[in-house]
């Protein structure tokens, strides 16, 4: 029974809006004229309900994706350890604020703009970078690779890097991505 009866409504139609077998809403139509809906009009409304259901489903998926991206962006931006992606050419493709700070840069953007050759500008011994890349190529993953690096001001730090490489379906190296941890305090304690 209607909660608020409306005498002016003569025809009413409720049509389910389903997408992927899931109900996402209901399309309600109320008409105040006395003519019943034709079969063609009902089919048109059914088509409209299906299109609207897809739009609602897409909007929900977009919102879920946006929220997931926001969550992972927050993890990336606020991580304690450095997180990076580097190109086969030796440039940073992306870096989080912790990676930039670890190397003495004000921001990831400054780090990515300044460092054009990781092997020579970051690694104290460029041969360590060659060894790191060789191990990545052979093993696919490197964990706890320790080396000394230069900071922006020329000072040196010890870092431990764990990384993996991503390849295209044809095997072409796309980028390497990983985590770095500042282990300078531990290395100094070991030396002492």
N, C-alpha and C. Protein backbone atom coordinates (compact mmCIF):
# COMPACT_ATOMS: atom_id res chain seq x y z
N UNK A 1 0.86 -1.18 0.00
CA UNK A 1 0.00 0.00 0.00
C UNK A 1 0.89 1.23 0.00
N UNK A 2 0.53 2.22 -0.75
CA UNK A 2 1.35 3.44 -0.79
C UNK A 2 1.35 4.17 0.55
N UNK A 3 2.51 4.71 0.90
CA UNK A 3 2.60 5.47 2.14
C UNK A 3 1.92 6.82 2.00
N UNK A 4 2.10 7.43 0.83
CA UNK A 4 1.48 8.71 0.54
C UNK A 4 0.75 8.57 -0.78
N UNK A 5 -0.50 8.13 -0.78
CA UNK A 5 -1.23 7.90 -2.04
C UNK A 5 -1.31 9.18 -2.87
N UNK A 6 -1.12 8.99 -4.18
CA UNK A 6 -1.25 10.12 -5.12
C UNK A 6 -2.30 9.74 -6.15
N UNK A 7 -3.41 10.36 -6.06
CA UNK A 7 -4.52 10.05 -6.96
C UNK A 7 -4.21 10.43 -8.40
N UNK A 8 -3.26 11.35 -8.60
CA UNK A 8 -2.97 11.80 -9.97
C UNK A 8 -2.14 10.79 -10.76
N UNK A 9 -1.58 9.76 -10.14
CA UNK A 9 -0.80 8.74 -10.84
C UNK A 9 -1.76 7.66 -11.33
N UNK A 10 -1.78 7.47 -12.66
CA UNK A 10 -2.67 6.48 -13.26
C UNK A 10 -1.91 5.24 -13.73
N UNK A 11 -0.63 5.41 -14.08
CA UNK A 11 0.18 4.29 -14.55
C UNK A 11 1.52 4.35 -13.83
N UNK A 12 1.95 3.20 -13.35
CA UNK A 12 3.25 3.12 -12.67
C UNK A 12 3.99 1.88 -13.17
N UNK A 13 5.28 2.03 -13.32
CA UNK A 13 6.11 0.91 -13.77
C UNK A 13 7.42 0.95 -12.99
N UNK A 14 7.82 -0.17 -12.43
CA UNK A 14 9.11 -0.30 -11.75
C UNK A 14 9.91 -1.35 -12.49
N UNK A 15 11.13 -1.01 -12.88
CA UNK A 15 11.95 -1.91 -13.67
C UNK A 15 13.29 -2.09 -12.97
N UNK A 16 13.72 -3.35 -12.75
CA UNK A 16 15.02 -3.57 -12.10
C UNK A 16 16.17 -3.10 -12.99
N UNK A 17 17.20 -2.54 -12.35
CA UNK A 17 18.43 -2.15 -13.06
C UNK A 17 19.51 -3.13 -12.63
N UNK A 18 19.85 -4.04 -13.53
CA UNK A 18 20.86 -5.04 -13.16
C UNK A 18 22.04 -4.97 -14.12
N UNK A 19 23.24 -5.16 -13.54
CA UNK A 19 24.48 -5.19 -14.31
C UNK A 19 25.28 -6.38 -13.82
N UNK A 20 25.67 -7.24 -14.75
CA UNK A 20 26.44 -8.42 -14.37
C UNK A 20 25.68 -9.34 -13.44
N UNK A 21 24.36 -9.41 -13.60
CA UNK A 21 23.56 -10.28 -12.75
C UNK A 21 23.34 -9.75 -11.34
N UNK A 22 23.72 -8.49 -11.11
CA UNK A 22 23.59 -7.90 -9.77
C UNK A 22 22.64 -6.70 -9.84
N UNK A 23 21.71 -6.64 -8.91
CA UNK A 23 20.77 -5.52 -8.85
C UNK A 23 21.51 -4.28 -8.35
N UNK A 24 21.49 -3.20 -9.15
CA UNK A 24 22.16 -1.97 -8.73
C UNK A 24 21.16 -0.83 -8.49
N UNK A 25 19.89 -1.07 -8.81
CA UNK A 25 18.89 -0.03 -8.58
C UNK A 25 17.56 -0.42 -9.19
N UNK A 26 16.60 0.48 -9.08
CA UNK A 26 15.27 0.27 -9.66
C UNK A 26 14.86 1.57 -10.35
N UNK A 27 14.40 1.44 -11.60
CA UNK A 27 13.89 2.59 -12.34
C UNK A 27 12.37 2.63 -12.13
N UNK A 28 11.89 3.70 -11.57
CA UNK A 28 10.45 3.87 -11.32
C UNK A 28 9.92 4.94 -12.26
N UNK A 29 8.75 4.64 -12.88
CA UNK A 29 8.10 5.60 -13.77
C UNK A 29 6.66 5.75 -13.32
N UNK A 30 6.24 6.97 -13.13
CA UNK A 30 4.86 7.27 -12.76
C UNK A 30 4.28 8.21 -13.81
N UNK A 31 3.12 7.85 -14.36
CA UNK A 31 2.47 8.68 -15.37
C UNK A 31 1.14 9.19 -14.83
N UNK A 32 0.84 10.41 -15.18
CA UNK A 32 -0.41 11.01 -14.70
C UNK A 32 -1.49 10.99 -15.77
N UNK A 33 -1.17 10.57 -17.00
CA UNK A 33 -2.22 10.48 -18.02
C UNK A 33 -2.84 9.08 -17.99
N UNK A 34 -3.98 8.93 -18.63
CA UNK A 34 -4.76 7.70 -18.54
C UNK A 34 -4.35 6.63 -19.55
N UNK A 35 -3.44 6.93 -20.47
CA UNK A 35 -3.07 5.93 -21.48
C UNK A 35 -2.07 4.94 -20.91
N UNK A 36 -2.25 3.66 -21.17
CA UNK A 36 -1.26 2.67 -20.72
C UNK A 36 -0.01 2.74 -21.60
N UNK A 37 1.10 2.24 -21.09
CA UNK A 37 2.35 2.21 -21.85
C UNK A 37 2.23 1.18 -22.96
N UNK A 38 2.82 1.49 -24.10
CA UNK A 38 2.85 0.53 -25.21
C UNK A 38 3.99 -0.44 -24.97
N UNK A 39 3.98 -1.55 -25.70
CA UNK A 39 5.05 -2.54 -25.60
C UNK A 39 6.39 -1.92 -26.01
N UNK A 40 6.37 -1.07 -27.03
CA UNK A 40 7.59 -0.38 -27.47
C UNK A 40 8.15 0.53 -26.39
N UNK A 41 7.28 1.23 -25.68
CA UNK A 41 7.72 2.11 -24.60
C UNK A 41 8.32 1.29 -23.45
N UNK A 42 7.68 0.16 -23.16
CA UNK A 42 8.21 -0.71 -22.10
C UNK A 42 9.59 -1.25 -22.47
N UNK A 43 9.75 -1.65 -23.74
CA UNK A 43 11.06 -2.13 -24.20
C UNK A 43 12.10 -1.02 -24.13
N UNK A 44 11.69 0.19 -24.50
CA UNK A 44 12.60 1.34 -24.43
C UNK A 44 13.04 1.62 -22.99
N UNK A 45 12.09 1.52 -22.07
CA UNK A 45 12.41 1.73 -20.65
C UNK A 45 13.33 0.62 -20.13
N UNK A 46 13.09 -0.61 -20.61
CA UNK A 46 13.96 -1.72 -20.22
C UNK A 46 15.39 -1.45 -20.70
N UNK A 47 15.53 -0.98 -21.94
CA UNK A 47 16.84 -0.64 -22.49
C UNK A 47 17.48 0.49 -21.68
N UNK A 48 16.69 1.50 -21.35
CA UNK A 48 17.19 2.62 -20.54
C UNK A 48 17.67 2.13 -19.17
N UNK A 49 16.90 1.20 -18.56
CA UNK A 49 17.28 0.66 -17.25
C UNK A 49 18.60 -0.08 -17.34
N UNK A 50 18.82 -0.84 -18.42
CA UNK A 50 20.08 -1.57 -18.59
C UNK A 50 21.25 -0.62 -18.79
N UNK A 51 21.06 0.41 -19.59
CA UNK A 51 22.13 1.39 -19.81
C UNK A 51 22.45 2.13 -18.51
N UNK A 52 21.40 2.54 -17.80
CA UNK A 52 21.59 3.24 -16.52
C UNK A 52 22.29 2.33 -15.51
N UNK A 53 21.94 1.03 -15.51
CA UNK A 53 22.57 0.09 -14.58
C UNK A 53 24.07 -0.01 -14.85
N UNK A 54 24.45 -0.05 -16.14
CA UNK A 54 25.87 -0.09 -16.49
C UNK A 54 26.58 1.17 -16.03
N UNK A 55 25.91 2.31 -16.19
CA UNK A 55 26.50 3.58 -15.77
C UNK A 55 26.70 3.62 -14.25
N UNK A 56 25.69 3.14 -13.51
CA UNK A 56 25.79 3.10 -12.04
C UNK A 56 26.92 2.17 -11.62
N UNK A 57 26.98 0.99 -12.26
CA UNK A 57 28.03 0.02 -11.94
C UNK A 57 29.42 0.60 -12.23
N UNK A 58 29.56 1.27 -13.37
CA UNK A 58 30.85 1.89 -13.72
C UNK A 58 31.23 2.98 -12.73
N UNK A 59 30.25 3.76 -12.30
CA UNK A 59 30.52 4.82 -11.32
C UNK A 59 30.99 4.21 -10.00
N UNK A 60 30.37 3.10 -9.60
CA UNK A 60 30.79 2.43 -8.36
C UNK A 60 32.19 1.86 -8.49
N UNK A 61 32.48 1.25 -9.64
CA UNK A 61 33.83 0.70 -9.87
C UNK A 61 34.87 1.82 -9.89
N UNK A 62 34.54 2.93 -10.52
CA UNK A 62 35.45 4.06 -10.57
C UNK A 62 35.75 4.56 -9.15
N UNK A 63 34.74 4.66 -8.32
CA UNK A 63 34.92 5.13 -6.94
C UNK A 63 35.77 4.16 -6.14
N UNK A 64 35.54 2.86 -6.33
CA UNK A 64 36.36 1.86 -5.63
C UNK A 64 37.82 1.96 -6.08
N UNK A 65 38.04 2.14 -7.38
CA UNK A 65 39.40 2.29 -7.91
C UNK A 65 40.06 3.55 -7.36
N UNK A 66 39.31 4.64 -7.31
CA UNK A 66 39.84 5.90 -6.78
C UNK A 66 40.25 5.75 -5.32
N UNK A 67 39.41 5.07 -4.55
CA UNK A 67 39.72 4.87 -3.13
C UNK A 67 40.95 3.98 -2.95
N UNK A 68 41.05 2.93 -3.76
CA UNK A 68 42.22 2.03 -3.67
C UNK A 68 43.48 2.79 -4.06
N UNK A 69 43.40 3.59 -5.12
CA UNK A 69 44.56 4.38 -5.55
C UNK A 69 44.96 5.38 -4.46
N UNK A 70 43.99 6.00 -3.84
CA UNK A 70 44.26 6.96 -2.75
C UNK A 70 44.94 6.25 -1.58
N UNK A 71 44.47 5.05 -1.26
CA UNK A 71 45.06 4.28 -0.16
C UNK A 71 46.52 3.92 -0.47
N UNK A 72 46.77 3.41 -1.67
CA UNK A 72 48.14 3.03 -2.02
C UNK A 72 49.05 4.24 -2.20
N UNK A 73 48.51 5.36 -2.66
CA UNK A 73 49.30 6.59 -2.77
C UNK A 73 49.72 7.05 -1.38
N UNK A 74 48.82 6.92 -0.41
CA UNK A 74 49.14 7.30 0.96
C UNK A 74 50.25 6.40 1.52
N UNK A 75 50.16 5.10 1.27
CA UNK A 75 51.21 4.18 1.73
C UNK A 75 52.54 4.56 1.09
N UNK A 76 52.53 4.82 -0.22
CA UNK A 76 53.74 5.18 -0.97
C UNK A 76 54.34 6.48 -0.43
N UNK A 77 53.51 7.48 -0.25
CA UNK A 77 53.99 8.80 0.18
C UNK A 77 54.46 8.83 1.63
N UNK A 78 53.90 7.97 2.50
CA UNK A 78 54.22 8.03 3.92
C UNK A 78 55.08 6.87 4.41
N UNK A 79 55.58 6.06 3.48
CA UNK A 79 56.42 4.93 3.88
C UNK A 79 57.70 5.42 4.55
N UNK A 80 58.18 4.65 5.50
CA UNK A 80 59.41 4.99 6.22
C UNK A 80 60.63 4.71 5.33
N UNK A 81 60.56 3.64 4.56
CA UNK A 81 61.66 3.27 3.66
C UNK A 81 61.45 3.89 2.29
N UNK A 82 62.56 3.97 1.55
CA UNK A 82 62.48 4.49 0.19
C UNK A 82 61.83 3.48 -0.73
N UNK A 83 61.04 3.98 -1.65
CA UNK A 83 60.41 3.16 -2.68
C UNK A 83 60.71 3.84 -4.01
N UNK A 84 61.11 3.04 -5.02
CA UNK A 84 61.49 3.63 -6.30
C UNK A 84 61.14 2.71 -7.46
N UNK A 85 61.11 3.30 -8.65
CA UNK A 85 61.11 2.60 -9.92
C UNK A 85 62.20 3.26 -10.74
N UNK A 86 63.01 2.43 -11.41
CA UNK A 86 64.07 2.98 -12.25
C UNK A 86 64.02 2.38 -13.64
N UNK A 87 64.38 3.18 -14.61
CA UNK A 87 64.38 2.77 -16.01
C UNK A 87 65.66 2.00 -16.32
N UNK A 88 65.66 1.20 -17.38
CA UNK A 88 66.88 0.51 -17.80
C UNK A 88 68.02 1.48 -18.13
N UNK A 89 67.68 2.72 -18.44
CA UNK A 89 68.69 3.73 -18.76
C UNK A 89 69.39 4.29 -17.52
N UNK A 90 68.90 3.93 -16.32
CA UNK A 90 69.55 4.39 -15.10
C UNK A 90 68.97 5.65 -14.52
N UNK A 91 67.76 5.99 -14.89
CA UNK A 91 67.06 7.15 -14.32
C UNK A 91 65.97 6.67 -13.39
N UNK A 92 65.62 7.50 -12.42
CA UNK A 92 64.47 7.20 -11.58
C UNK A 92 63.20 7.55 -12.38
N UNK A 93 62.27 6.62 -12.42
CA UNK A 93 60.96 6.87 -13.03
C UNK A 93 60.00 7.42 -11.99
N UNK A 94 60.13 6.91 -10.76
CA UNK A 94 59.34 7.41 -9.65
C UNK A 94 60.09 7.12 -8.36
N UNK A 95 59.80 7.92 -7.37
CA UNK A 95 60.42 7.75 -6.05
C UNK A 95 59.48 8.36 -5.03
N UNK A 96 59.47 7.78 -3.85
CA UNK A 96 58.62 8.35 -2.81
C UNK A 96 59.43 9.39 -2.02
N UNK A 97 58.78 10.17 -1.18
CA UNK A 97 59.49 11.19 -0.41
C UNK A 97 60.62 10.62 0.46
N UNK A 98 60.43 9.41 1.01
CA UNK A 98 61.48 8.81 1.85
C UNK A 98 62.74 8.53 1.03
N UNK A 99 62.58 8.08 -0.21
CA UNK A 99 63.74 7.84 -1.08
C UNK A 99 64.48 9.14 -1.34
N UNK A 100 63.73 10.19 -1.62
CA UNK A 100 64.35 11.49 -1.88
C UNK A 100 65.08 12.00 -0.64
N UNK A 101 64.42 11.95 0.52
CA UNK A 101 65.06 12.42 1.76
C UNK A 101 66.31 11.62 2.08
N UNK A 102 66.25 10.30 1.87
CA UNK A 102 67.38 9.43 2.17
C UNK A 102 68.63 9.88 1.40
N UNK A 103 68.41 10.38 0.19
CA UNK A 103 69.53 10.80 -0.65
C UNK A 103 69.77 12.31 -0.58
N UNK A 104 69.07 12.98 0.34
CA UNK A 104 69.31 14.40 0.59
C UNK A 104 68.59 15.37 -0.31
N UNK A 105 67.57 14.93 -1.02
CA UNK A 105 66.81 15.81 -1.91
C UNK A 105 65.54 16.28 -1.22
N UNK A 106 65.07 17.44 -1.61
CA UNK A 106 63.88 18.04 -1.00
C UNK A 106 62.60 17.31 -1.40
N UNK A 107 62.58 16.75 -2.60
CA UNK A 107 61.35 16.12 -3.09
C UNK A 107 61.69 15.03 -4.11
N UNK A 108 60.76 14.14 -4.35
CA UNK A 108 60.98 13.13 -5.39
C UNK A 108 61.22 13.77 -6.76
N UNK A 109 60.52 14.87 -7.03
CA UNK A 109 60.68 15.55 -8.32
C UNK A 109 62.11 16.06 -8.49
N UNK A 110 62.68 16.62 -7.42
CA UNK A 110 64.06 17.11 -7.50
C UNK A 110 65.02 15.95 -7.73
N UNK A 111 64.81 14.86 -7.02
CA UNK A 111 65.65 13.66 -7.19
C UNK A 111 65.59 13.16 -8.62
N UNK A 112 64.38 13.02 -9.16
CA UNK A 112 64.23 12.48 -10.52
C UNK A 112 64.80 13.41 -11.57
N UNK A 113 64.74 14.70 -11.33
CA UNK A 113 65.30 15.66 -12.29
C UNK A 113 66.82 15.70 -12.23
N UNK A 114 67.38 15.56 -11.02
CA UNK A 114 68.83 15.69 -10.84
C UNK A 114 69.61 14.43 -11.20
N UNK A 115 69.05 13.27 -10.92
CA UNK A 115 69.80 12.02 -11.13
C UNK A 115 69.45 11.45 -12.50
N UNK A 116 70.43 11.51 -13.40
CA UNK A 116 70.24 10.98 -14.75
C UNK A 116 71.01 9.68 -14.97
N UNK A 117 71.90 9.35 -14.01
CA UNK A 117 72.70 8.12 -14.12
C UNK A 117 72.91 7.58 -12.70
N UNK A 118 72.03 6.68 -12.29
CA UNK A 118 72.08 6.15 -10.92
C UNK A 118 73.44 5.53 -10.63
N UNK A 119 74.00 4.80 -11.56
CA UNK A 119 75.27 4.11 -11.34
C UNK A 119 76.38 5.08 -10.95
N UNK A 120 76.46 6.22 -11.61
CA UNK A 120 77.56 7.16 -11.38
C UNK A 120 77.22 8.27 -10.38
N UNK A 121 75.95 8.66 -10.31
CA UNK A 121 75.59 9.76 -9.43
C UNK A 121 75.15 9.31 -8.04
N UNK A 122 74.68 8.07 -7.91
CA UNK A 122 74.19 7.60 -6.62
C UNK A 122 75.15 6.59 -6.00
N UNK A 123 75.55 5.58 -6.75
CA UNK A 123 76.43 4.54 -6.22
C UNK A 123 77.86 5.06 -6.08
N UNK A 124 78.46 4.88 -4.90
CA UNK A 124 79.84 5.28 -4.69
C UNK A 124 80.74 4.47 -5.61
N UNK A 125 80.46 3.18 -5.73
CA UNK A 125 81.20 2.30 -6.64
C UNK A 125 80.25 1.86 -7.75
N UNK A 126 80.37 2.44 -8.95
CA UNK A 126 79.47 2.08 -10.05
C UNK A 126 79.46 0.58 -10.36
N UNK A 127 80.52 -0.13 -10.02
CA UNK A 127 80.56 -1.57 -10.24
C UNK A 127 79.54 -2.29 -9.37
N UNK A 128 79.22 -1.72 -8.20
CA UNK A 128 78.18 -2.30 -7.35
C UNK A 128 76.82 -2.24 -8.06
N UNK A 129 76.58 -1.14 -8.77
CA UNK A 129 75.33 -1.02 -9.53
C UNK A 129 75.29 -2.07 -10.64
N UNK A 130 76.43 -2.26 -11.31
CA UNK A 130 76.52 -3.28 -12.35
C UNK A 130 76.23 -4.66 -11.77
N UNK A 131 76.79 -4.96 -10.59
CA UNK A 131 76.57 -6.24 -9.93
C UNK A 131 75.10 -6.38 -9.51
N UNK A 132 74.53 -5.31 -8.99
CA UNK A 132 73.12 -5.30 -8.59
C UNK A 132 72.23 -5.62 -9.79
N UNK A 133 72.47 -4.96 -10.93
CA UNK A 133 71.68 -5.20 -12.14
C UNK A 133 71.91 -6.60 -12.69
N UNK A 134 73.16 -7.11 -12.58
CA UNK A 134 73.45 -8.47 -13.06
C UNK A 134 72.66 -9.48 -12.25
N UNK A 135 72.66 -9.31 -10.92
CA UNK A 135 71.92 -10.23 -10.06
C UNK A 135 70.42 -10.17 -10.33
N UNK A 136 69.92 -8.97 -10.59
CA UNK A 136 68.50 -8.84 -10.94
C UNK A 136 68.19 -9.60 -12.22
N UNK A 137 69.07 -9.48 -13.21
CA UNK A 137 68.86 -10.15 -14.50
C UNK A 137 68.90 -11.67 -14.34
N UNK A 138 69.81 -12.17 -13.52
CA UNK A 138 69.97 -13.62 -13.36
C UNK A 138 68.91 -14.20 -12.42
N UNK A 139 68.71 -13.56 -11.26
CA UNK A 139 67.84 -14.11 -10.22
C UNK A 139 66.41 -13.60 -10.27
N UNK A 140 66.20 -12.48 -10.93
CA UNK A 140 64.86 -11.89 -11.01
C UNK A 140 64.49 -11.03 -9.82
N UNK A 141 65.06 -11.34 -8.65
CA UNK A 141 64.80 -10.59 -7.42
C UNK A 141 66.11 -10.50 -6.64
N UNK A 142 66.35 -9.35 -6.05
CA UNK A 142 67.52 -9.17 -5.18
C UNK A 142 67.00 -8.67 -3.84
N UNK A 143 67.49 -9.30 -2.76
CA UNK A 143 67.08 -8.89 -1.41
C UNK A 143 68.31 -8.51 -0.60
N UNK A 144 68.19 -7.39 0.10
CA UNK A 144 69.25 -6.98 1.02
C UNK A 144 70.58 -6.67 0.38
N UNK A 145 70.57 -6.07 -0.79
CA UNK A 145 71.82 -5.70 -1.46
C UNK A 145 72.38 -4.45 -0.79
N UNK A 146 73.53 -4.58 -0.14
CA UNK A 146 74.11 -3.47 0.61
C UNK A 146 75.19 -2.77 -0.21
N UNK A 147 75.12 -1.45 -0.21
CA UNK A 147 76.12 -0.66 -0.92
C UNK A 147 76.14 0.75 -0.34
N UNK A 148 77.21 1.46 -0.68
CA UNK A 148 77.32 2.84 -0.25
C UNK A 148 76.85 3.76 -1.37
N UNK A 149 76.14 4.82 -0.98
CA UNK A 149 75.62 5.77 -1.97
C UNK A 149 75.99 7.19 -1.59
N UNK A 150 75.99 8.04 -2.62
CA UNK A 150 76.20 9.47 -2.41
C UNK A 150 74.87 10.16 -2.15
N UNK A 151 74.90 11.12 -1.24
CA UNK A 151 73.77 12.01 -1.05
C UNK A 151 73.98 13.24 -1.92
N UNK A 152 72.97 14.06 -2.02
CA UNK A 152 73.04 15.28 -2.84
C UNK A 152 74.23 16.16 -2.47
N UNK A 153 74.51 16.25 -1.16
CA UNK A 153 75.60 17.12 -0.70
C UNK A 153 76.98 16.47 -0.79
N UNK A 154 77.05 15.26 -1.33
CA UNK A 154 78.34 14.58 -1.49
C UNK A 154 78.68 13.64 -0.34
N UNK A 155 77.92 13.70 0.76
CA UNK A 155 78.17 12.77 1.86
C UNK A 155 77.77 11.36 1.42
N UNK A 156 78.18 10.37 2.23
CA UNK A 156 77.92 8.98 1.88
C UNK A 156 77.04 8.32 2.93
N UNK A 157 76.23 7.39 2.46
CA UNK A 157 75.37 6.58 3.33
C UNK A 157 75.45 5.14 2.87
N UNK A 158 75.11 4.26 3.77
CA UNK A 158 74.95 2.85 3.42
C UNK A 158 73.46 2.58 3.27
N UNK A 159 73.10 1.84 2.23
CA UNK A 159 71.70 1.44 2.04
C UNK A 159 71.62 -0.06 1.76
N UNK A 160 70.47 -0.60 2.04
CA UNK A 160 70.15 -1.98 1.69
C UNK A 160 68.96 -1.91 0.74
N UNK A 161 69.09 -2.55 -0.42
CA UNK A 161 68.06 -2.49 -1.45
C UNK A 161 67.50 -3.87 -1.74
N UNK A 162 66.20 -3.95 -1.84
CA UNK A 162 65.52 -5.16 -2.31
C UNK A 162 64.70 -4.73 -3.51
N UNK A 163 64.82 -5.48 -4.61
CA UNK A 163 64.16 -5.05 -5.84
C UNK A 163 63.82 -6.22 -6.74
N UNK A 164 63.00 -5.92 -7.73
CA UNK A 164 62.66 -6.87 -8.79
C UNK A 164 62.51 -6.08 -10.08
N UNK A 165 62.54 -6.79 -11.20
CA UNK A 165 62.37 -6.14 -12.49
C UNK A 165 61.06 -6.56 -13.13
N UNK A 166 60.47 -5.65 -13.88
CA UNK A 166 59.24 -5.93 -14.63
C UNK A 166 59.60 -5.98 -16.11
N UNK A 167 59.07 -6.99 -16.78
CA UNK A 167 59.37 -7.20 -18.20
C UNK A 167 58.09 -7.18 -19.03
N UNK A 168 58.23 -6.77 -20.29
CA UNK A 168 57.13 -6.84 -21.25
C UNK A 168 56.93 -8.30 -21.63
N UNK A 169 55.79 -8.63 -22.24
CA UNK A 169 55.56 -10.03 -22.66
C UNK A 169 56.66 -10.59 -23.56
N UNK A 170 57.32 -9.73 -24.33
CA UNK A 170 58.40 -10.21 -25.20
C UNK A 170 59.74 -10.32 -24.47
N UNK A 171 59.75 -10.04 -23.15
CA UNK A 171 60.96 -10.17 -22.37
C UNK A 171 61.76 -8.89 -22.21
N UNK A 172 61.37 -7.83 -22.87
CA UNK A 172 62.06 -6.56 -22.77
C UNK A 172 61.93 -6.00 -21.35
N UNK A 173 63.06 -5.53 -20.81
CA UNK A 173 63.04 -4.94 -19.47
C UNK A 173 62.32 -3.60 -19.52
N UNK A 174 61.28 -3.47 -18.69
CA UNK A 174 60.52 -2.22 -18.63
C UNK A 174 61.07 -1.29 -17.55
N UNK A 175 61.23 -1.83 -16.34
CA UNK A 175 61.73 -1.04 -15.22
C UNK A 175 62.06 -1.98 -14.07
N UNK A 176 62.79 -1.44 -13.11
CA UNK A 176 63.05 -2.15 -11.85
C UNK A 176 62.35 -1.35 -10.76
N UNK A 177 61.87 -2.07 -9.76
CA UNK A 177 61.22 -1.39 -8.65
C UNK A 177 61.66 -2.04 -7.35
N UNK A 178 61.76 -1.21 -6.32
CA UNK A 178 62.21 -1.78 -5.07
C UNK A 178 62.12 -0.84 -3.90
N UNK A 179 62.73 -1.31 -2.81
CA UNK A 179 62.73 -0.60 -1.53
C UNK A 179 64.17 -0.40 -1.09
N UNK A 180 64.44 0.73 -0.47
CA UNK A 180 65.76 0.97 0.10
C UNK A 180 65.61 1.35 1.57
N UNK A 181 66.57 0.91 2.34
CA UNK A 181 66.59 1.20 3.77
C UNK A 181 67.95 1.79 4.11
N UNK A 182 67.97 2.85 4.87
CA UNK A 182 69.22 3.46 5.32
C UNK A 182 69.79 2.59 6.44
N UNK A 183 70.97 2.00 6.21
CA UNK A 183 71.59 1.12 7.21
C UNK A 183 72.91 1.70 7.70
N UNK A 184 73.10 2.99 7.54
CA UNK A 184 74.35 3.65 7.92
C UNK A 184 74.68 3.44 9.40
N UNK A 185 73.71 3.60 10.28
CA UNK A 185 73.94 3.46 11.72
C UNK A 185 74.42 2.04 12.02
N UNK A 186 73.78 1.06 11.43
CA UNK A 186 74.18 -0.33 11.66
C UNK A 186 75.59 -0.59 11.15
N UNK A 187 75.91 -0.08 9.96
CA UNK A 187 77.26 -0.29 9.39
C UNK A 187 78.33 0.36 10.27
N UNK A 188 78.05 1.56 10.77
CA UNK A 188 79.02 2.24 11.65
C UNK A 188 79.20 1.46 12.94
N UNK A 189 78.11 0.89 13.47
CA UNK A 189 78.21 0.09 14.68
C UNK A 189 79.04 -1.17 14.43
N UNK A 190 78.87 -1.79 13.27
CA UNK A 190 79.65 -2.97 12.91
C UNK A 190 81.12 -2.65 12.81
N UNK A 191 81.42 -1.48 12.19
CA UNK A 191 82.82 -1.06 12.04
C UNK A 191 83.46 -0.77 13.40
N UNK A 192 82.68 -0.17 14.30
CA UNK A 192 83.20 0.16 15.62
C UNK A 192 83.45 -1.12 16.41
